[in-house]
Amino acid sequence: MFDSCKAGKQIALLRKSRGIKQEELARRLSVSPQAVSKWENGHTMPEVSMLVELSIILGVTIDEILLPTGMIPVNANFEHVLLPYGEIADFSGRKWPRSMARPAVLSAIKLFMGLERHKDSRNRQVNDDAEYILQSAFTSTCFGYSWGQDMFEKNCLAVYGLSCEVYDSDQHSVETLMYLAKENILKGYPVVVEPKEYEDIILASGFSYNGKILKGISFLDGDDDKNSVMSFNQLNDYPGWYKKKIKLILIKPSADKMSVEDACKEALREGYRLLSNEVHQFDQPLVGYGLVIYENWRDELRMENEKNLETIDCLYPHIFIHYENKMCIKQFLELCLHTVTGIDKESLEAAISKYGELIDIFEKAMKDWLTEQPKDIAAARSVRQGFDYILRRSKELETEALYKWASGIKL
């Protein structure tokens, strides 16, 4: 609903954020400074024809002036900050597990761009787990262990009607990266800074000091709180971001949009292919994808027994990664039951049931074994023996699930 006071405050905040004085804005619009003051106090509003010119000067849409979705603090230290395109409700899904950063970043982009159609009673976009689950599949994150496709390849942004340009810090200068980030934000689109090391992924929607400091929120693999709670009204500062080894990802509009159903169909085929893999292709035994992981894991347990270790080094955090991945797979298949046409629902439901059994097994294992360390070598051997059985049984269950999966999507 239109509110002249809120719209007036928005004009004032946008003007100040761009370093424009009332007198300068009045001159550029050929009105008196008193007229601008009345707008900003909510006493009057610009005529419709003038709103067009005002929106151009402030670099926003008319809707963003008249119907602001969030208010920037007057004393904020910035040159330019984008407001989310639509109002966002607080996180309303499960707070754990949501440990993978890439699906969380993509979910946040959808919310920021105002593209989430699921709304609450106050017409705010609902921030829950559904998009995270879908993006876990579209990125292939849930099909592997510390592995997945590049974040913005293929369908991940296409389902939002967005695309991107990626710039590697090894190939572009610091000045170029700062300029590109600043210009993209000025055009109304956020940027993503993805470090090549294990560090925060930054979703930035503002900048200061000519781009040397980005304003945004962060995500990190393994940090469920960061990946669950996102507040675009409380942006953090990220100085020196351009000095690190990074990929700078510029979010762009796209004329081509992929349907969620088509993206799900492709993810179903790709997920089946990846999970069926029985040949290891990575340096570390517990990094990769597919049924091969189960045998690699059992080999690690045997080696620990041979070394008479009192600790079980191959249990944590891999058991958490495995558990979350299988949970996301199950939830993705459940979403596909209602999203994808032309599948054999009975077969897919059978696959879901098998993943449910597998998840139950791992939930019990985490409860029994992660509360305290084994007291001696004999206790550690006993846990490894029990875990070896769980891995054998889990491989059987997933093999059965994949057989039903293939039947369900008619491979």
Protein backbone atom coordinates (compact mmCIF):
# COMPACT_ATOMS: atom_id res chain seq x y z
CA MET A 1 0.00 0.00 0.00
CA PHE A 2 1.32 3.45 -0.94
CA ASP A 3 2.51 5.61 1.97
CA SER A 4 3.67 9.16 1.12
CA CYS A 5 5.79 9.39 4.31
CA LYS A 6 7.67 6.16 3.53
CA ALA A 7 8.10 7.19 -0.10
CA GLY A 8 9.42 10.58 1.01
CA LYS A 9 11.93 8.97 3.37
CA GLN A 10 12.98 6.66 0.56
CA ILE A 11 13.67 9.62 -1.74
CA ALA A 12 15.77 11.24 1.00
CA LEU A 13 17.73 8.05 1.72
CA LEU A 14 18.39 7.30 -1.94
CA ARG A 15 19.45 10.91 -2.55
CA LYS A 16 21.86 10.88 0.41
CA SER A 17 23.24 7.45 -0.50
CA ARG A 18 24.26 8.88 -3.88
CA GLY A 19 25.81 12.00 -2.38
CA ILE A 20 23.27 14.35 -3.96
CA LYS A 21 22.23 17.48 -2.07
CA GLN A 22 18.64 18.75 -2.08
CA GLU A 23 19.67 21.81 -4.07
CA GLU A 24 21.39 19.72 -6.74
CA LEU A 25 18.42 17.37 -7.07
CA ALA A 26 16.08 20.38 -7.33
CA ARG A 27 18.25 21.93 -10.05
CA ARG A 28 18.38 18.70 -12.09
CA LEU A 29 14.60 18.38 -11.89
CA SER A 30 13.95 22.11 -12.47
CA VAL A 31 12.03 22.52 -9.21
CA SER A 32 12.69 24.47 -6.03
CA PRO A 33 14.63 23.00 -3.06
CA GLN A 34 11.46 23.59 -1.02
CA ALA A 35 9.58 21.20 -3.36
CA VAL A 36 12.17 18.48 -2.77
CA SER A 37 11.96 19.08 0.98
CA LYS A 38 8.17 18.65 0.88
CA TRP A 39 8.53 15.35 -0.99
CA GLU A 40 11.01 14.03 1.53
CA ASN A 41 8.80 15.07 4.46
CA GLY A 42 5.84 13.29 2.91
CA HIS A 43 3.77 16.48 2.51
CA THR A 44 3.55 16.22 -1.30
CA MET A 45 4.77 13.88 -4.04
CA PRO A 46 6.36 14.50 -7.45
CA GLU A 47 4.09 14.45 -10.47
CA VAL A 48 4.05 11.22 -12.48
CA SER A 49 6.13 12.69 -15.33
CA MET A 50 8.75 13.85 -12.84
CA LEU A 51 8.90 10.43 -11.14
CA VAL A 52 10.35 8.97 -14.32
CA GLU A 53 13.22 11.47 -14.34
CA LEU A 54 13.69 11.11 -10.57
CA SER A 55 14.00 7.33 -10.87
CA ILE A 56 16.67 7.76 -13.56
CA ILE A 57 18.69 10.16 -11.40
CA LEU A 58 18.47 7.88 -8.35
CA GLY A 59 19.12 4.72 -10.39
CA VAL A 60 16.06 2.83 -9.20
CA THR A 61 12.61 1.93 -10.47
CA ILE A 62 9.55 4.04 -9.74
CA ASP A 63 8.19 1.14 -7.65
CA GLU A 64 11.33 1.23 -5.51
CA ILE A 65 10.61 4.90 -4.76
CA LEU A 66 6.89 4.64 -4.13
CA LEU A 67 6.77 1.18 -2.57
CA PRO A 68 10.05 0.72 -0.65
CA THR A 69 10.53 -2.80 0.73
CA GLY A 70 13.18 -1.86 3.27
CA MET A 71 14.72 1.29 4.66
CA ILE A 72 18.44 2.09 4.62
CA PRO A 73 19.74 3.76 7.82
CA VAL A 74 20.41 7.47 7.26
CA ASN A 75 23.87 7.23 8.84
CA ALA A 76 24.92 4.13 6.89
CA ASN A 77 28.47 4.23 5.56
CA PHE A 78 28.05 3.52 1.86
CA GLU A 79 28.15 5.01 -1.60
CA HIS A 80 25.44 2.80 -3.04
CA VAL A 81 23.28 0.02 -1.58
CA LEU A 82 20.56 -1.94 -3.37
CA LEU A 83 17.40 -2.78 -1.50
CA PRO A 84 15.90 -6.23 -2.02
CA TYR A 85 13.35 -6.18 -4.83
CA GLY A 86 10.74 -7.74 -2.54
CA GLU A 87 10.26 -7.92 1.21
CA ILE A 88 11.66 -11.09 2.80
CA ALA A 89 10.28 -12.90 5.84
CA ASP A 90 12.55 -14.34 8.52
CA PHE A 91 13.89 -17.85 7.93
CA SER A 92 11.02 -20.25 8.47
CA GLY A 93 12.50 -23.64 7.59
CA ARG A 94 14.70 -26.06 9.49
CA LYS A 95 17.84 -24.43 10.80
CA TRP A 96 19.87 -27.62 10.40
CA PRO A 97 21.10 -29.17 8.25
CA ARG A 98 21.68 -26.37 5.78
CA SER A 99 25.42 -26.61 5.68
CA MET A 100 26.32 -26.10 2.02
CA ALA A 101 26.98 -22.52 0.93
CA ARG A 102 26.29 -22.69 -2.81
CA PRO A 103 22.62 -23.71 -2.63
CA ALA A 104 22.13 -21.12 0.12
CA VAL A 105 23.64 -18.31 -1.98
CA LEU A 106 21.39 -19.17 -4.92
CA SER A 107 18.34 -19.27 -2.65
CA ALA A 108 19.31 -15.82 -1.33
CA ILE A 109 19.62 -14.43 -4.87
CA LYS A 110 16.08 -15.56 -5.63
CA LEU A 111 14.79 -13.84 -2.50
CA PHE A 112 16.80 -10.68 -3.14
CA MET A 113 15.47 -10.39 -6.69
CA GLY A 114 11.90 -10.70 -5.41
CA LEU A 115 11.23 -13.86 -7.42
CA GLU A 116 9.84 -16.11 -4.68
CA ARG A 117 6.09 -16.57 -5.22
CA HIS A 118 5.55 -18.33 -1.89
CA LYS A 119 4.35 -15.47 0.35
CA ASP A 120 3.20 -15.18 3.96
CA SER A 121 0.11 -13.33 5.23
CA ARG A 122 2.03 -10.04 5.11
CA ASN A 123 2.96 -10.61 1.44
CA ARG A 124 6.61 -11.24 2.33
CA GLN A 125 8.61 -13.84 0.44
CA VAL A 126 8.83 -17.03 2.47
CA ASN A 127 12.42 -17.99 3.25
CA ASP A 128 12.36 -21.75 3.84
CA ASP A 129 14.20 -24.89 2.78
CA ALA A 130 12.42 -25.70 -0.49
CA GLU A 131 14.70 -23.61 -2.72
CA TYR A 132 17.80 -24.78 -0.89
CA ILE A 133 16.80 -28.40 -1.59
CA LEU A 134 16.19 -27.70 -5.29
CA GLN A 135 19.50 -25.84 -5.68
CA SER A 136 21.31 -28.65 -3.86
CA ALA A 137 20.18 -30.83 -6.75
CA PHE A 138 20.64 -28.30 -9.57
CA THR A 139 24.26 -27.73 -8.45
CA SER A 140 24.72 -31.49 -7.83
CA THR A 141 25.93 -30.61 -4.33
CA CYS A 142 23.72 -33.23 -2.67
CA PHE A 143 24.93 -35.95 -5.03
CA GLY A 144 28.57 -35.74 -3.92
CA TYR A 145 30.98 -35.22 -1.05
CA SER A 146 32.64 -31.80 -1.05
CA TRP A 147 31.99 -31.79 -4.76
CA GLY A 148 29.61 -30.14 -7.15
CA GLN A 149 29.37 -28.26 -10.41
CA ASP A 150 30.44 -24.64 -10.53
CA MET A 151 27.84 -22.60 -8.72
CA PHE A 152 26.43 -20.64 -11.62
CA GLU A 153 26.67 -23.09 -14.48
CA LYS A 154 23.68 -24.22 -16.45
CA ASN A 155 20.32 -24.25 -14.71
CA CYS A 156 21.03 -22.76 -11.29
CA LEU A 157 20.31 -19.18 -12.36
CA ALA A 158 18.31 -19.99 -15.49
CA VAL A 159 15.33 -21.10 -13.36
CA TYR A 160 15.22 -17.50 -12.05
CA GLY A 161 15.48 -15.90 -15.48
CA LEU A 162 18.99 -14.77 -14.61
CA SER A 163 22.47 -15.40 -15.99
CA CYS A 164 25.96 -14.34 -14.98
CA GLU A 165 29.41 -13.32 -16.08
CA VAL A 166 32.39 -14.79 -14.22
CA TYR A 167 35.75 -13.04 -13.81
CA ASP A 168 38.76 -14.84 -12.35
CA SER A 169 41.21 -12.80 -10.26
CA ASP A 170 44.10 -14.65 -11.94
CA GLN A 171 43.11 -13.08 -15.25
CA HIS A 172 41.89 -9.62 -14.26
CA SER A 173 43.41 -6.72 -12.36
CA VAL A 174 42.26 -5.44 -8.98
CA GLU A 175 41.03 -2.23 -10.62
CA THR A 176 38.98 -4.20 -13.16
CA LEU A 177 37.35 -6.35 -10.48
CA MET A 178 36.38 -3.32 -8.37
CA TYR A 179 35.02 -1.51 -11.41
CA LEU A 180 32.98 -4.52 -12.56
CA ALA A 181 31.49 -5.12 -9.11
CA LYS A 182 30.59 -1.45 -8.67
CA GLU A 183 29.03 -1.11 -12.13
CA ASN A 184 26.94 -4.26 -11.76
CA ILE A 185 25.53 -3.07 -8.43
CA LEU A 186 24.81 0.36 -9.91
CA LYS A 187 22.78 -1.38 -12.63
CA GLY A 188 20.60 -2.94 -9.94
CA TYR A 189 22.04 -6.46 -9.63
CA PRO A 190 24.07 -8.05 -6.81
CA VAL A 191 27.47 -9.69 -7.22
CA VAL A 192 28.95 -12.83 -5.70
CA VAL A 193 32.55 -13.15 -4.54
CA GLU A 194 33.56 -16.80 -4.36
CA PRO A 195 37.02 -17.35 -2.80
CA LYS A 196 39.13 -20.20 -4.10
CA GLU A 197 40.10 -21.08 -0.53
CA TYR A 198 37.77 -22.16 2.26
CA GLU A 199 36.36 -18.75 3.15
CA ASP A 200 33.05 -16.92 3.16
CA ILE A 201 31.19 -16.57 -0.12
CA ILE A 202 29.92 -12.99 -0.27
CA LEU A 203 26.63 -11.91 -1.81
CA ALA A 204 27.10 -8.16 -2.15
CA SER A 205 24.43 -5.58 -2.93
CA GLY A 206 26.34 -2.40 -2.07
CA PHE A 207 29.76 -0.81 -1.96
CA SER A 208 31.76 2.03 -0.45
CA TYR A 209 35.17 3.63 -1.04
CA ASN A 210 34.73 3.29 -4.80
CA GLY A 211 34.29 -0.49 -4.58
CA LYS A 212 37.13 -1.27 -2.19
CA ILE A 213 34.58 -2.33 0.42
CA LEU A 214 31.62 -4.46 -0.56
CA LYS A 215 28.42 -4.47 1.51
CA GLY A 216 26.58 -7.75 1.80
CA ILE A 217 26.00 -11.01 3.61
CA SER A 218 28.15 -14.13 3.74
CA PHE A 219 27.75 -17.88 3.44
CA LEU A 220 30.16 -20.65 4.39
CA ASP A 221 30.24 -24.40 3.89
CA GLY A 222 29.58 -26.07 7.23
CA ASP A 223 28.06 -23.00 8.91
CA ASP A 224 24.33 -23.72 9.18
CA ASP A 225 23.47 -20.41 10.85
CA LYS A 226 25.10 -18.29 8.14
CA ASN A 227 23.41 -20.32 5.43
CA SER A 228 19.98 -20.08 7.07
CA VAL A 229 19.63 -16.53 8.33
CA MET A 230 20.01 -13.72 5.82
CA SER A 231 19.29 -10.06 6.53
CA PHE A 232 19.72 -7.58 3.72
CA ASN A 233 18.89 -4.77 6.15
CA GLN A 234 22.03 -5.46 8.21
CA LEU A 235 24.84 -5.64 5.69
CA ASN A 236 28.41 -6.47 6.68
CA ASP A 237 31.56 -4.78 5.36
CA TYR A 238 34.06 -6.79 3.30
CA PRO A 239 37.23 -4.74 2.80
CA GLY A 240 40.10 -6.09 0.73
CA TRP A 241 37.88 -8.66 -0.99
CA TYR A 242 39.62 -7.99 -4.32
CA LYS A 243 43.06 -8.91 -2.92
CA LYS A 244 42.20 -12.60 -2.57
CA LYS A 245 42.10 -15.40 -5.11
CA ILE A 246 38.47 -15.22 -6.14
CA LYS A 247 35.86 -15.58 -8.81
CA LEU A 248 33.73 -12.47 -9.21
CA ILE A 249 30.27 -13.44 -10.43
CA LEU A 250 28.11 -10.67 -11.86
CA ILE A 251 24.40 -11.49 -11.73
CA LYS A 252 22.65 -10.44 -14.94
CA PRO A 253 19.15 -10.54 -16.41
CA SER A 254 18.56 -13.19 -19.06
CA ALA A 255 16.08 -13.52 -21.90
CA ASP A 256 16.19 -17.30 -21.52
CA LYS A 257 14.44 -18.89 -18.58
CA MET A 258 14.35 -22.59 -17.80
CA SER A 259 11.29 -24.09 -16.15
CA VAL A 260 11.73 -25.67 -12.72
CA GLU A 261 10.26 -28.89 -14.12
CA ASP A 262 12.86 -29.10 -16.89
CA ALA A 263 15.65 -28.32 -14.41
CA CYS A 264 14.35 -31.06 -12.10
CA LYS A 265 14.24 -33.56 -14.98
CA GLU A 266 17.85 -32.80 -15.86
CA ALA A 267 18.90 -33.00 -12.19
CA LEU A 268 17.14 -36.36 -11.85
CA ARG A 269 19.13 -37.76 -14.78
CA GLU A 270 22.43 -36.22 -13.66
CA GLY A 271 21.91 -37.25 -10.05
CA TYR A 272 21.27 -40.85 -11.03
CA ARG A 273 24.43 -40.86 -13.17
CA LEU A 274 26.61 -39.41 -10.42
CA LEU A 275 25.24 -41.58 -7.62
CA SER A 276 25.67 -44.76 -9.68
CA ASN A 277 29.40 -44.13 -10.07
CA GLU A 278 31.65 -46.91 -8.71
CA VAL A 279 35.02 -45.60 -9.95
CA HIS A 280 36.94 -43.16 -7.74
CA GLN A 281 38.17 -40.06 -9.56
CA PHE A 282 39.52 -37.80 -6.80
CA ASP A 283 42.70 -37.52 -4.72
CA GLN A 284 41.02 -37.97 -1.34
CA PRO A 285 39.08 -41.18 -0.67
CA LEU A 286 36.12 -39.42 0.96
CA VAL A 287 35.84 -36.67 -1.64
CA GLY A 288 33.88 -37.56 -4.73
CA TYR A 289 30.54 -39.02 -5.59
CA GLY A 290 28.70 -42.27 -6.07
CA LEU A 291 28.50 -45.74 -4.61
CA VAL A 292 32.30 -45.93 -4.66
CA ILE A 293 32.36 -43.77 -1.51
CA TYR A 294 30.98 -46.63 0.58
CA GLU A 295 33.90 -48.94 -0.26
CA ASN A 296 36.41 -46.12 0.17
CA TRP A 297 34.94 -45.41 3.60
CA ARG A 298 35.19 -49.06 4.62
CA ASP A 299 38.84 -49.08 3.48
CA GLU A 300 39.51 -46.08 5.73
CA LEU A 301 37.97 -47.94 8.68
CA ARG A 302 40.16 -50.98 8.00
CA MET A 303 43.30 -48.83 7.85
CA GLU A 304 42.44 -47.20 11.17
CA ASN A 305 42.03 -50.66 12.72
CA GLU A 306 45.43 -51.72 11.35
CA LYS A 307 46.97 -48.65 13.02
CA ASN A 308 45.20 -49.43 16.32
CA LEU A 309 43.85 -45.89 16.53
CA GLU A 310 41.81 -44.93 19.57
CA THR A 311 40.07 -42.17 17.61
CA ILE A 312 37.88 -42.63 14.54
CA ASP A 313 39.21 -39.95 12.21
CA CYS A 314 37.08 -40.88 9.19
CA LEU A 315 33.78 -40.44 11.03
CA TYR A 316 33.53 -36.66 11.48
CA PRO A 317 32.57 -34.51 9.54
CA HIS A 318 31.96 -37.03 6.75
CA ILE A 319 29.02 -38.62 8.52
CA PHE A 320 27.29 -35.21 8.67
CA ILE A 321 27.94 -34.56 4.97
CA HIS A 322 26.59 -37.99 4.09
CA TYR A 323 23.51 -37.51 6.26
CA GLU A 324 22.63 -34.08 4.87
CA ASN A 325 23.22 -35.18 1.28
CA LYS A 326 20.92 -38.17 1.60
CA MET A 327 18.28 -36.04 3.33
CA CYS A 328 18.42 -33.47 0.51
CA ILE A 329 18.18 -36.25 -2.09
CA LYS A 330 15.09 -37.65 -0.39
CA GLN A 331 13.49 -34.22 -0.15
CA PHE A 332 14.38 -33.45 -3.78
CA LEU A 333 12.70 -36.65 -4.95
CA GLU A 334 9.65 -35.73 -2.87
CA LEU A 335 9.51 -32.32 -4.56
CA CYS A 336 9.82 -33.99 -7.97
CA LEU A 337 6.71 -36.07 -7.26
CA HIS A 338 4.71 -32.83 -7.37
CA THR A 339 6.78 -30.96 -9.95
CA VAL A 340 7.71 -33.37 -12.74
CA THR A 341 5.19 -34.87 -15.14
CA GLY A 342 5.64 -38.16 -16.96
CA ILE A 343 7.43 -40.01 -14.15
CA ASP A 344 6.47 -43.29 -12.54
CA LYS A 345 5.43 -42.00 -9.13
CA GLU A 346 5.21 -45.46 -7.59
CA SER A 347 8.83 -46.23 -8.46
CA LEU A 348 10.02 -42.83 -7.24
CA GLU A 349 8.09 -43.27 -3.98
CA ALA A 350 9.86 -46.62 -3.52
CA ALA A 351 13.22 -44.87 -3.98
CA ILE A 352 12.19 -42.24 -1.43
CA SER A 353 11.30 -45.00 1.04
CA LYS A 354 14.77 -46.56 0.68
CA TYR A 355 16.44 -43.21 1.30
CA GLY A 356 14.21 -42.83 4.37
CA GLU A 357 15.58 -46.11 5.74
CA LEU A 358 19.14 -45.02 5.01
CA ILE A 359 18.63 -41.68 6.79
CA ASP A 360 17.14 -43.41 9.85
CA ILE A 361 20.22 -45.62 10.11
CA PHE A 362 22.58 -42.63 10.04
CA GLU A 363 20.50 -40.62 12.51
CA LYS A 364 20.87 -43.44 15.02
CA ALA A 365 24.59 -43.77 14.29
CA MET A 366 25.20 -40.07 14.91
CA LYS A 367 23.25 -40.20 18.15
CA ASP A 368 25.15 -43.28 19.38
CA TRP A 369 28.68 -42.48 18.25
CA LEU A 370 29.21 -38.73 18.07
CA THR A 371 28.31 -37.90 21.67
CA GLU A 372 31.64 -39.11 23.04
CA GLN A 373 34.95 -40.53 21.85
CA PRO A 374 35.72 -44.27 22.36
CA LYS A 375 37.53 -44.90 25.66
CA ASP A 376 40.16 -47.25 24.29
CA ILE A 377 41.31 -49.19 21.20
CA ALA A 378 38.83 -52.02 21.79
CA ALA A 379 35.91 -49.56 22.00
CA ALA A 380 37.08 -47.84 18.81
CA ARG A 381 37.25 -51.20 17.01
CA SER A 382 33.72 -51.97 18.14
CA VAL A 383 32.42 -48.68 16.73
CA ARG A 384 34.24 -49.27 13.44
CA GLN A 385 32.73 -52.74 13.20
CA GLY A 386 29.26 -51.31 13.70
CA PHE A 387 29.89 -48.53 11.21
CA ASP A 388 31.22 -50.99 8.65
CA TYR A 389 27.93 -52.86 8.85
CA ILE A 390 26.01 -49.58 8.43
CA LEU A 391 28.01 -48.70 5.32
CA ARG A 392 27.38 -52.13 3.78
CA ARG A 393 23.65 -51.91 4.54
CA SER A 394 23.47 -48.30 3.32
CA LYS A 395 25.08 -49.23 0.00
CA GLU A 396 22.50 -51.98 -0.42
CA LEU A 397 19.67 -49.53 0.31
CA GLU A 398 21.02 -46.88 -2.05
CA THR A 399 21.57 -49.45 -4.80
CA GLU A 400 17.93 -50.47 -4.46
CA ALA A 401 16.86 -46.81 -4.39
CA LEU A 402 18.79 -46.09 -7.59
CA TYR A 403 17.16 -49.06 -9.34
CA LYS A 404 13.74 -47.61 -8.47
CA TRP A 405 14.96 -44.11 -9.38
CA ALA A 406 15.92 -45.30 -12.86
CA SER A 407 12.52 -46.95 -13.27
CA GLY A 408 10.79 -43.81 -12.09
CA ILE A 409 12.41 -41.55 -14.67
CA LYS A 410 12.37 -44.28 -17.33
CA LEU A 411 16.10 -44.57 -17.96
